[in-house]
Amino acid sequence: MPANKKYLTKSPLQKILKLSAGFIGGYCVMITFHHLLGYIFEPKNVIITAAFTGYILWAVLLLMAFLARSGWKIWLYYLLLTAIFATPFLLKL
């Protein structure tokens, strides 16, 4: 069954923004989130669980990027989340 055309993104720029936000932005959010968990809990345990939860979180963030209406907004959200999760490391330096 084909997708309904009114729900598909027509702009090539929006498609590129969503795709790059899903891959790159989702990966950055996932990495900084697990670094934050390693800062809070023992890093050895976080590394073991990150091997499994990292891929799941990244896949969810990838799907969330395609569900958003605007690629610019999802990039903004992912950059804000990355900055929030990286704050303890930035303040430590």
PDB file of N, CA and C in Angstrom:
ATOM      1  N   MET A   1       0.841  -1.167   0.000  1.00  0.00           N
ATOM      2  CA  MET A   1       0.000   0.000   0.000  1.00  0.00           C
ATOM      3  C   MET A   1       0.894   1.242   0.000  1.00  0.00           C
ATOM      4  N   PRO A   2       0.790   2.113  -0.976  1.00  0.00           N
ATOM      5  CA  PRO A   2       1.654   3.288  -1.046  1.00  0.00           C
ATOM      6  C   PRO A   2       1.286   4.332   0.012  1.00  0.00           C
ATOM      7  N   ALA A   3       2.258   5.170   0.311  1.00  0.00           N
ATOM      8  CA  ALA A   3       2.053   6.216   1.305  1.00  0.00           C
ATOM      9  C   ALA A   3       1.150   7.302   0.731  1.00  0.00           C
ATOM     10  N   ASN A   4       0.443   7.958   1.622  1.00  0.00           N
ATOM     11  CA  ASN A   4      -0.407   9.065   1.223  1.00  0.00           C
ATOM     12  C   ASN A   4       0.485  10.255   0.891  1.00  0.00           C
ATOM     13  N   LYS A   5       0.336  10.841  -0.271  1.00  0.00           N
ATOM     14  CA  LYS A   5       1.222  11.894  -0.763  1.00  0.00           C
ATOM     15  C   LYS A   5       1.192  13.152   0.102  1.00  0.00           C
ATOM     16  N   LYS A   6       0.076  13.422   0.755  1.00  0.00           N
ATOM     17  CA  LYS A   6       0.007  14.657   1.544  1.00  0.00           C
ATOM     18  C   LYS A   6       0.867  14.590   2.804  1.00  0.00           C
ATOM     19  N   TYR A   7       1.284  13.418   3.225  1.00  0.00           N
ATOM     20  CA  TYR A   7       2.126  13.282   4.411  1.00  0.00           C
ATOM     21  C   TYR A   7       3.616  13.234   4.083  1.00  0.00           C
ATOM     22  N   LEU A   8       3.975  13.172   2.822  1.00  0.00           N
ATOM     23  CA  LEU A   8       5.376  13.069   2.431  1.00  0.00           C
ATOM     24  C   LEU A   8       6.011  14.453   2.329  1.00  0.00           C
ATOM     25  N   THR A   9       7.281  14.545   2.666  1.00  0.00           N
ATOM     26  CA  THR A   9       8.017  15.799   2.562  1.00  0.00           C
ATOM     27  C   THR A   9       8.351  16.062   1.107  1.00  0.00           C
ATOM     28  N   LYS A  10       8.026  17.267   0.643  1.00  0.00           N
ATOM     29  CA  LYS A  10       8.243  17.592  -0.757  1.00  0.00           C
ATOM     30  C   LYS A  10       9.581  18.287  -0.995  1.00  0.00           C
ATOM     31  N   SER A  11      10.065  19.032  -0.025  1.00  0.00           N
ATOM     32  CA  SER A  11      11.284  19.809  -0.194  1.00  0.00           C
ATOM     33  C   SER A  11      12.524  18.919  -0.047  1.00  0.00           C
ATOM     34  N   PRO A  12      13.458  18.980  -1.025  1.00  0.00           N
ATOM     35  CA  PRO A  12      14.683  18.189  -0.890  1.00  0.00           C
ATOM     36  C   PRO A  12      15.547  18.667   0.277  1.00  0.00           C
ATOM     37  N   LEU A  13      15.517  19.966   0.577  1.00  0.00           N
ATOM     38  CA  LEU A  13      16.285  20.487   1.703  1.00  0.00           C
ATOM     39  C   LEU A  13      15.773  19.907   3.016  1.00  0.00           C
ATOM     40  N   GLN A  14      14.454  19.826   3.172  1.00  0.00           N
ATOM     41  CA  GLN A  14      13.892  19.250   4.392  1.00  0.00           C
ATOM     42  C   GLN A  14      14.235  17.766   4.519  1.00  0.00           C
ATOM     43  N   LYS A  15      14.260  17.071   3.406  1.00  0.00           N
ATOM     44  CA  LYS A  15      14.632  15.651   3.434  1.00  0.00           C
ATOM     45  C   LYS A  15      16.073  15.487   3.894  1.00  0.00           C
ATOM     46  N   ILE A  16      16.966  16.330   3.374  1.00  0.00           N
ATOM     47  CA  ILE A  16      18.376  16.260   3.765  1.00  0.00           C
ATOM     48  C   ILE A  16      18.544  16.638   5.234  1.00  0.00           C
ATOM     49  N   LEU A  17      17.825  17.662   5.676  1.00  0.00           N
ATOM     50  CA  LEU A  17      17.908  18.082   7.076  1.00  0.00           C
ATOM     51  C   LEU A  17      17.421  16.985   8.019  1.00  0.00           C
ATOM     52  N   LYS A  18      16.329  16.347   7.668  1.00  0.00           N
ATOM     53  CA  LYS A  18      15.803  15.274   8.512  1.00  0.00           C
ATOM     54  C   LYS A  18      16.738  14.070   8.538  1.00  0.00           C
ATOM     55  N   LEU A  19      17.269  13.728   7.380  1.00  0.00           N
ATOM     56  CA  LEU A  19      18.183  12.594   7.299  1.00  0.00           C
ATOM     57  C   LEU A  19      19.464  12.856   8.088  1.00  0.00           C
ATOM     58  N   SER A  20      20.033  14.041   7.928  1.00  0.00           N
ATOM     59  CA  SER A  20      21.266  14.355   8.651  1.00  0.00           C
ATOM     60  C   SER A  20      21.002  14.516  10.144  1.00  0.00           C
ATOM     61  N   ALA A  21      19.856  15.069  10.509  1.00  0.00           N
ATOM     62  CA  ALA A  21      19.525  15.185  11.934  1.00  0.00           C
ATOM     63  C   ALA A  21      19.336  13.811  12.546  1.00  0.00           C
ATOM     64  N   GLY A  22      18.714  12.913  11.813  1.00  0.00           N
ATOM     65  CA  GLY A  22      18.512  11.568  12.332  1.00  0.00           C
ATOM     66  C   GLY A  22      19.810  10.823  12.534  1.00  0.00           C
ATOM     67  N   PHE A  23      20.692  10.879  11.554  1.00  0.00           N
ATOM     68  CA  PHE A  23      21.961  10.152  11.660  1.00  0.00           C
ATOM     69  C   PHE A  23      22.946  10.858  12.582  1.00  0.00           C
ATOM     70  N   ILE A  24      23.288  12.092  12.264  1.00  0.00           N
ATOM     71  CA  ILE A  24      24.345  12.790  12.994  1.00  0.00           C
ATOM     72  C   ILE A  24      23.839  13.319  14.331  1.00  0.00           C
ATOM     73  N   GLY A  25      22.704  14.023  14.304  1.00  0.00           N
ATOM     74  CA  GLY A  25      22.163  14.584  15.545  1.00  0.00           C
ATOM     75  C   GLY A  25      21.750  13.510  16.528  1.00  0.00           C
ATOM     76  N   GLY A  26      21.110  12.454  16.029  1.00  0.00           N
ATOM     77  CA  GLY A  26      20.717  11.355  16.905  1.00  0.00           C
ATOM     78  C   GLY A  26      21.912  10.667  17.530  1.00  0.00           C
ATOM     79  N   TYR A  27      22.975  10.526  16.747  1.00  0.00           N
ATOM     80  CA  TYR A  27      24.197   9.911  17.278  1.00  0.00           C
ATOM     81  C   TYR A  27      24.831  10.798  18.349  1.00  0.00           C
ATOM     82  N   CYS A  28      24.861  12.105  18.122  1.00  0.00           N
ATOM     83  CA  CYS A  28      25.434  13.030  19.110  1.00  0.00           C
ATOM     84  C   CYS A  28      24.623  13.021  20.409  1.00  0.00           C
ATOM     85  N   VAL A  29      23.308  13.008  20.297  1.00  0.00           N
ATOM     86  CA  VAL A  29      22.471  12.950  21.493  1.00  0.00           C
ATOM     87  C   VAL A  29      22.706  11.639  22.238  1.00  0.00           C
ATOM     88  N   MET A  30      22.784  10.547  21.509  1.00  0.00           N
ATOM     89  CA  MET A  30      22.992   9.242  22.132  1.00  0.00           C
ATOM     90  C   MET A  30      24.338   9.167  22.848  1.00  0.00           C
ATOM     91  N   ILE A  31      25.387   9.659  22.206  1.00  0.00           N
ATOM     92  CA  ILE A  31      26.724   9.612  22.810  1.00  0.00           C
ATOM     93  C   ILE A  31      26.792  10.501  24.052  1.00  0.00           C
ATOM     94  N   THR A  32      26.301  11.724  23.961  1.00  0.00           N
ATOM     95  CA  THR A  32      26.376  12.613  25.122  1.00  0.00           C
ATOM     96  C   THR A  32      25.487  12.118  26.265  1.00  0.00           C
ATOM     97  N   PHE A  33      24.368  11.493  25.939  1.00  0.00           N
ATOM     98  CA  PHE A  33      23.511  10.937  26.990  1.00  0.00           C
ATOM     99  C   PHE A  33      24.234   9.825  27.748  1.00  0.00           C
ATOM    100  N   HIS A  34      24.917   8.954  27.024  1.00  0.00           N
ATOM    101  CA  HIS A  34      25.627   7.869  27.694  1.00  0.00           C
ATOM    102  C   HIS A  34      26.878   8.371  28.421  1.00  0.00           C
ATOM    103  N   HIS A  35      27.484   9.430  27.930  1.00  0.00           N
ATOM    104  CA  HIS A  35      28.586  10.036  28.676  1.00  0.00           C
ATOM    105  C   HIS A  35      28.079  10.643  29.983  1.00  0.00           C
ATOM    106  N   LEU A  36      26.910  11.254  29.924  1.00  0.00           N
ATOM    107  CA  LEU A  36      26.310  11.802  31.143  1.00  0.00           C
ATOM    108  C   LEU A  36      25.998  10.689  32.135  1.00  0.00           C
ATOM    109  N   LEU A  37      25.475   9.577  31.640  1.00  0.00           N
ATOM    110  CA  LEU A  37      25.216   8.443  32.530  1.00  0.00           C
ATOM    111  C   LEU A  37      26.515   7.908  33.124  1.00  0.00           C
ATOM    112  N   GLY A  38      27.592   7.908  32.339  1.00  0.00           N
ATOM    113  CA  GLY A  38      28.888   7.487  32.844  1.00  0.00           C
ATOM    114  C   GLY A  38      29.440   8.449  33.872  1.00  0.00           C
ATOM    115  N   TYR A  39      29.047   9.694  33.796  1.00  0.00           N
ATOM    116  CA  TYR A  39      29.443  10.693  34.778  1.00  0.00           C
ATOM    117  C   TYR A  39      28.683  10.494  36.092  1.00  0.00           C
ATOM    118  N   ILE A  40      27.434  10.035  35.995  1.00  0.00           N
ATOM    119  CA  ILE A  40      26.594   9.841  37.184  1.00  0.00           C
ATOM    120  C   ILE A  40      26.849   8.478  37.817  1.00  0.00           C
ATOM    121  N   PHE A  41      26.841   7.422  37.005  1.00  0.00           N
ATOM    122  CA  PHE A  41      27.035   6.061  37.504  1.00  0.00           C
ATOM    123  C   PHE A  41      28.463   5.607  37.214  1.00  0.00           C
ATOM    124  N   GLU A  42      28.771   4.387  37.575  1.00  0.00           N
ATOM    125  CA  GLU A  42      30.104   3.863  37.301  1.00  0.00           C
ATOM    126  C   GLU A  42      30.261   3.634  35.793  1.00  0.00           C
ATOM    127  N   PRO A  43      31.322   4.191  35.204  1.00  0.00           N
ATOM    128  CA  PRO A  43      31.473   4.119  33.743  1.00  0.00           C
ATOM    129  C   PRO A  43      31.546   2.695  33.195  1.00  0.00           C
ATOM    130  N   LYS A  44      32.100   1.762  33.959  1.00  0.00           N
ATOM    131  CA  LYS A  44      32.212   0.391  33.475  1.00  0.00           C
ATOM    132  C   LYS A  44      30.830  -0.205  33.205  1.00  0.00           C
ATOM    133  N   ASN A  45      29.888   0.047  34.090  1.00  0.00           N
ATOM    134  CA  ASN A  45      28.532  -0.479  33.910  1.00  0.00           C
ATOM    135  C   ASN A  45      27.794   0.227  32.777  1.00  0.00           C
ATOM    136  N   VAL A  46      28.046   1.508  32.625  1.00  0.00           N
ATOM    137  CA  VAL A  46      27.373   2.264  31.564  1.00  0.00           C
ATOM    138  C   VAL A  46      27.866   1.814  30.195  1.00  0.00           C
ATOM    139  N   ILE A  47      29.148   1.521  30.066  1.00  0.00           N
ATOM    140  CA  ILE A  47      29.690   1.071  28.780  1.00  0.00           C
ATOM    141  C   ILE A  47      29.066  -0.256  28.372  1.00  0.00           C
ATOM    142  N   ILE A  48      28.869  -1.129  29.335  1.00  0.00           N
ATOM    143  CA  ILE A  48      28.269  -2.435  29.028  1.00  0.00           C
ATOM    144  C   ILE A  48      26.825  -2.266  28.556  1.00  0.00           C
ATOM    145  N   THR A  49      26.055  -1.443  29.257  1.00  0.00           N
ATOM    146  CA  THR A  49      24.654  -1.266  28.854  1.00  0.00           C
ATOM    147  C   THR A  49      24.529  -0.389  27.612  1.00  0.00           C
ATOM    148  N   ALA A  50      25.496   0.508  27.390  1.00  0.00           N
ATOM    149  CA  ALA A  50      25.430   1.383  26.214  1.00  0.00           C
ATOM    150  C   ALA A  50      25.583   0.600  24.920  1.00  0.00           C
ATOM    151  N   ALA A  51      26.226  -0.546  24.987  1.00  0.00           N
ATOM    152  CA  ALA A  51      26.356  -1.365  23.789  1.00  0.00           C
ATOM    153  C   ALA A  51      24.985  -1.793  23.266  1.00  0.00           C
ATOM    154  N   PHE A  52      24.018  -1.934  24.149  1.00  0.00           N
ATOM    155  CA  PHE A  52      22.664  -2.335  23.738  1.00  0.00           C
ATOM    156  C   PHE A  52      21.721  -1.143  23.630  1.00  0.00           C
ATOM    157  N   THR A  53      21.695  -0.322  24.663  1.00  0.00           N
ATOM    158  CA  THR A  53      20.744   0.794  24.677  1.00  0.00           C
ATOM    159  C   THR A  53      21.122   1.897  23.704  1.00  0.00           C
ATOM    160  N   GLY A  54      22.398   1.981  23.345  1.00  0.00           N
ATOM    161  CA  GLY A  54      22.825   3.016  22.408  1.00  0.00           C
ATOM    162  C   GLY A  54      22.182   2.859  21.049  1.00  0.00           C
ATOM    163  N   TYR A  55      22.148   1.655  20.544  1.00  0.00           N
ATOM    164  CA  TYR A  55      21.540   1.416  19.235  1.00  0.00           C
ATOM    165  C   TYR A  55      20.026   1.632  19.272  1.00  0.00           C
ATOM    166  N   ILE A  56      19.413   1.247  20.361  1.00  0.00           N
ATOM    167  CA  ILE A  56      17.963   1.435  20.478  1.00  0.00           C
ATOM    168  C   ILE A  56      17.629   2.920  20.535  1.00  0.00           C
ATOM    169  N   LEU A  57      18.371   3.675  21.361  1.00  0.00           N
ATOM    170  CA  LEU A  57      18.134   5.115  21.478  1.00  0.00           C
ATOM    171  C   LEU A  57      18.406   5.812  20.153  1.00  0.00           C
ATOM    172  N   TRP A  58      19.483   5.432  19.475  1.00  0.00           N
ATOM    173  CA  TRP A  58      19.804   6.052  18.195  1.00  0.00           C
ATOM    174  C   TRP A  58      18.717   5.772  17.162  1.00  0.00           C
ATOM    175  N   ALA A  59      18.198   4.560  17.140  1.00  0.00           N
ATOM    176  CA  ALA A  59      17.129   4.222  16.190  1.00  0.00           C
ATOM    177  C   ALA A  59      15.853   5.007  16.485  1.00  0.00           C
ATOM    178  N   VAL A  60      15.531   5.172  17.752  1.00  0.00           N
ATOM    179  CA  VAL A  60      14.342   5.951  18.122  1.00  0.00           C
ATOM    180  C   VAL A  60      14.527   7.410  17.713  1.00  0.00           C
ATOM    181  N   LEU A  61      15.708   7.962  17.963  1.00  0.00           N
ATOM    182  CA  LEU A  61      15.969   9.349  17.575  1.00  0.00           C
ATOM    183  C   LEU A  61      15.961   9.516  16.058  1.00  0.00           C
ATOM    184  N   LEU A  62      16.403   8.509  15.331  1.00  0.00           N
ATOM    185  CA  LEU A  62      16.360   8.541  13.872  1.00  0.00           C
ATOM    186  C   LEU A  62      14.911   8.577  13.392  1.00  0.00           C
ATOM    187  N   LEU A  63      14.072   7.759  13.975  1.00  0.00           N
ATOM    188  CA  LEU A  63      12.654   7.759  13.597  1.00  0.00           C
ATOM    189  C   LEU A  63      11.963   9.057  13.989  1.00  0.00           C
ATOM    190  N   MET A  64      12.323   9.607  15.138  1.00  0.00           N
ATOM    191  CA  MET A  64      11.719  10.861  15.584  1.00  0.00           C
ATOM    192  C   MET A  64      12.048  12.004  14.620  1.00  0.00           C
ATOM    193  N   ALA A  65      13.227  11.958  14.028  1.00  0.00           N
ATOM    194  CA  ALA A  65      13.601  13.002  13.063  1.00  0.00           C
ATOM    195  C   ALA A  65      12.693  12.973  11.847  1.00  0.00           C
ATOM    196  N   PHE A  66      12.288  11.801  11.420  1.00  0.00           N
ATOM    197  CA  PHE A  66      11.420  11.710  10.252  1.00  0.00           C
ATOM    198  C   PHE A  66       9.958  11.999  10.585  1.00  0.00           C
ATOM    199  N   LEU A  67       9.589  11.911  11.848  1.00  0.00           N
ATOM    200  CA  LEU A  67       8.221  12.241  12.236  1.00  0.00           C
ATOM    201  C   LEU A  67       8.017  13.741  12.419  1.00  0.00           C
ATOM    202  N   ALA A  68       9.102  14.481  12.578  1.00  0.00           N
ATOM    203  CA  ALA A  68       8.996  15.931  12.770  1.00  0.00           C
ATOM    204  C   ALA A  68       8.559  16.601  11.481  1.00  0.00           C
ATOM    205  N   ARG A  69       7.911  17.729  11.624  1.00  0.00           N
ATOM    206  CA  ARG A  69       7.442  18.461  10.449  1.00  0.00           C
ATOM    207  C   ARG A  69       8.559  19.281   9.808  1.00  0.00           C
ATOM    208  N   SER A  70       9.486  19.773  10.616  1.00  0.00           N
ATOM    209  CA  SER A  70      10.546  20.619  10.092  1.00  0.00           C
ATOM    210  C   SER A  70      11.906  20.053  10.462  1.00  0.00           C
ATOM    211  N   GLY A  71      12.798  20.017   9.496  1.00  0.00           N
ATOM    212  CA  GLY A  71      14.151  19.559   9.750  1.00  0.00           C
ATOM    213  C   GLY A  71      14.941  20.527  10.604  1.00  0.00           C
ATOM    214  N   TRP A  72      14.621  21.820  10.479  1.00  0.00           N
ATOM    215  CA  TRP A  72      15.299  22.827  11.291  1.00  0.00           C
ATOM    216  C   TRP A  72      14.963  22.662  12.765  1.00  0.00           C
ATOM    217  N   LYS A  73      13.705  22.388  13.058  1.00  0.00           N
ATOM    218  CA  LYS A  73      13.295  22.229  14.459  1.00  0.00           C
ATOM    219  C   LYS A  73      13.935  20.996  15.088  1.00  0.00           C
ATOM    220  N   ILE A  74      13.994  19.904  14.357  1.00  0.00           N
ATOM    221  CA  ILE A  74      14.569  18.687  14.927  1.00  0.00           C
ATOM    222  C   ILE A  74      16.063  18.872  15.140  1.00  0.00           C
ATOM    223  N   TRP A  75      16.736  19.614  14.258  1.00  0.00           N
ATOM    224  CA  TRP A  75      18.147  19.929  14.480  1.00  0.00           C
ATOM    225  C   TRP A  75      18.301  20.784  15.736  1.00  0.00           C
ATOM    226  N   LEU A  76      17.415  21.746  15.917  1.00  0.00           N
ATOM    227  CA  LEU A  76      17.470  22.590  17.115  1.00  0.00           C
ATOM    228  C   LEU A  76      17.277  21.758  18.372  1.00  0.00           C
ATOM    229  N   TYR A  77      16.300  20.870  18.374  1.00  0.00           N
ATOM    230  CA  TYR A  77      16.052  20.023  19.540  1.00  0.00           C
ATOM    231  C   TYR A  77      17.240  19.110  19.832  1.00  0.00           C
ATOM    232  N   TYR A  78      17.811  18.519  18.794  1.00  0.00           N
ATOM    233  CA  TYR A  78      18.943  17.615  18.999  1.00  0.00           C
ATOM    234  C   TYR A  78      20.181  18.369  19.467  1.00  0.00           C
ATOM    235  N   LEU A  79      20.392  19.573  18.959  1.00  0.00           N
ATOM    236  CA  LEU A  79      21.531  20.365  19.431  1.00  0.00           C
ATOM    237  C   LEU A  79      21.336  20.811  20.881  1.00  0.00           C
ATOM    238  N   LEU A  80      20.114  21.167  21.246  1.00  0.00           N
ATOM    239  CA  LEU A  80      19.827  21.537  22.636  1.00  0.00           C
ATOM    240  C   LEU A  80      20.015  20.350  23.573  1.00  0.00           C
ATOM    241  N   LEU A  81      19.525  19.192  23.179  1.00  0.00           N
ATOM    242  CA  LEU A  81      19.712  17.998  24.006  1.00  0.00           C
ATOM    243  C   LEU A  81      21.182  17.635  24.146  1.00  0.00           C
ATOM    244  N   THR A  82      21.931  17.763  23.066  1.00  0.00           N
ATOM    245  CA  THR A  82      23.367  17.485  23.123  1.00  0.00           C
ATOM    246  C   THR A  82      24.066  18.456  24.065  1.00  0.00           C
ATOM    247  N   ALA A  83      23.696  19.728  24.003  1.00  0.00           N
ATOM    248  CA  ALA A  83      24.304  20.725  24.885  1.00  0.00           C
ATOM    249  C   ALA A  83      23.933  20.483  26.349  1.00  0.00           C
ATOM    250  N   ILE A  84      22.690  20.096  26.601  1.00  0.00           N
ATOM    251  CA  ILE A  84      22.258  19.827  27.976  1.00  0.00           C
ATOM    252  C   ILE A  84      22.988  18.616  28.538  1.00  0.00           C
ATOM    253  N   PHE A  85      23.094  17.564  27.747  1.00  0.00           N
ATOM    254  CA  PHE A  85      23.768  16.352  28.226  1.00  0.00           C
ATOM    255  C   PHE A  85      25.279  16.557  28.371  1.00  0.00           C
ATOM    256  N   ALA A  86      25.859  17.468  27.592  1.00  0.00           N
ATOM    257  CA  ALA A  86      27.302  17.712  27.656  1.00  0.00           C
ATOM    258  C   ALA A  86      27.678  18.790  28.668  1.00  0.00           C
ATOM    259  N   THR A  87      26.707  19.420  29.298  1.00  0.00           N
ATOM    260  CA  THR A  87      26.975  20.511  30.235  1.00  0.00           C
ATOM    261  C   THR A  87      27.918  20.124  31.372  1.00  0.00           C
ATOM    262  N   PRO A  88      27.756  18.975  32.034  1.00  0.00           N
ATOM    263  CA  PRO A  88      28.702  18.654  33.116  1.00  0.00           C
ATOM    264  C   PRO A  88      30.151  18.579  32.654  1.00  0.00           C
ATOM    265  N   PHE A  89      30.388  18.104  31.440  1.00  0.00           N
ATOM    266  CA  PHE A  89      31.749  18.022  30.925  1.00  0.00           C
ATOM    267  C   PHE A  89      32.275  19.388  30.530  1.00  0.00           C
ATOM    268  N   LEU A  90      31.399  20.228  29.993  1.00  0.00           N
ATOM    269  CA  LEU A  90      31.822  21.568  29.607  1.00  0.00           C
ATOM    270  C   LEU A  90      32.136  22.422  30.826  1.00  0.00           C
ATOM    271  N   LEU A  91      31.391  22.240  31.901  1.00  0.00           N
ATOM    272  CA  LEU A  91      31.640  23.004  33.122  1.00  0.00           C
ATOM    273  C   LEU A  91      32.864  22.478  33.873  1.00  0.00           C
ATOM    274  N   LYS A  92      33.166  21.224  33.693  1.00  0.00           N
ATOM    275  CA  LYS A  92      34.322  20.623  34.369  1.00  0.00           C
ATOM    276  C   LYS A  92      35.625  21.138  33.766  1.00  0.00           C
ATOM    277  N   LEU A  93      35.624  21.425  32.475  1.00  0.00           N
ATOM    278  CA  LEU A  93      36.832  21.915  31.815  1.00  0.00           C
ATOM    279  C   LEU A  93      37.070  23.321  32.244  1.00  0.00           C
TER     280      LEU A  93
END
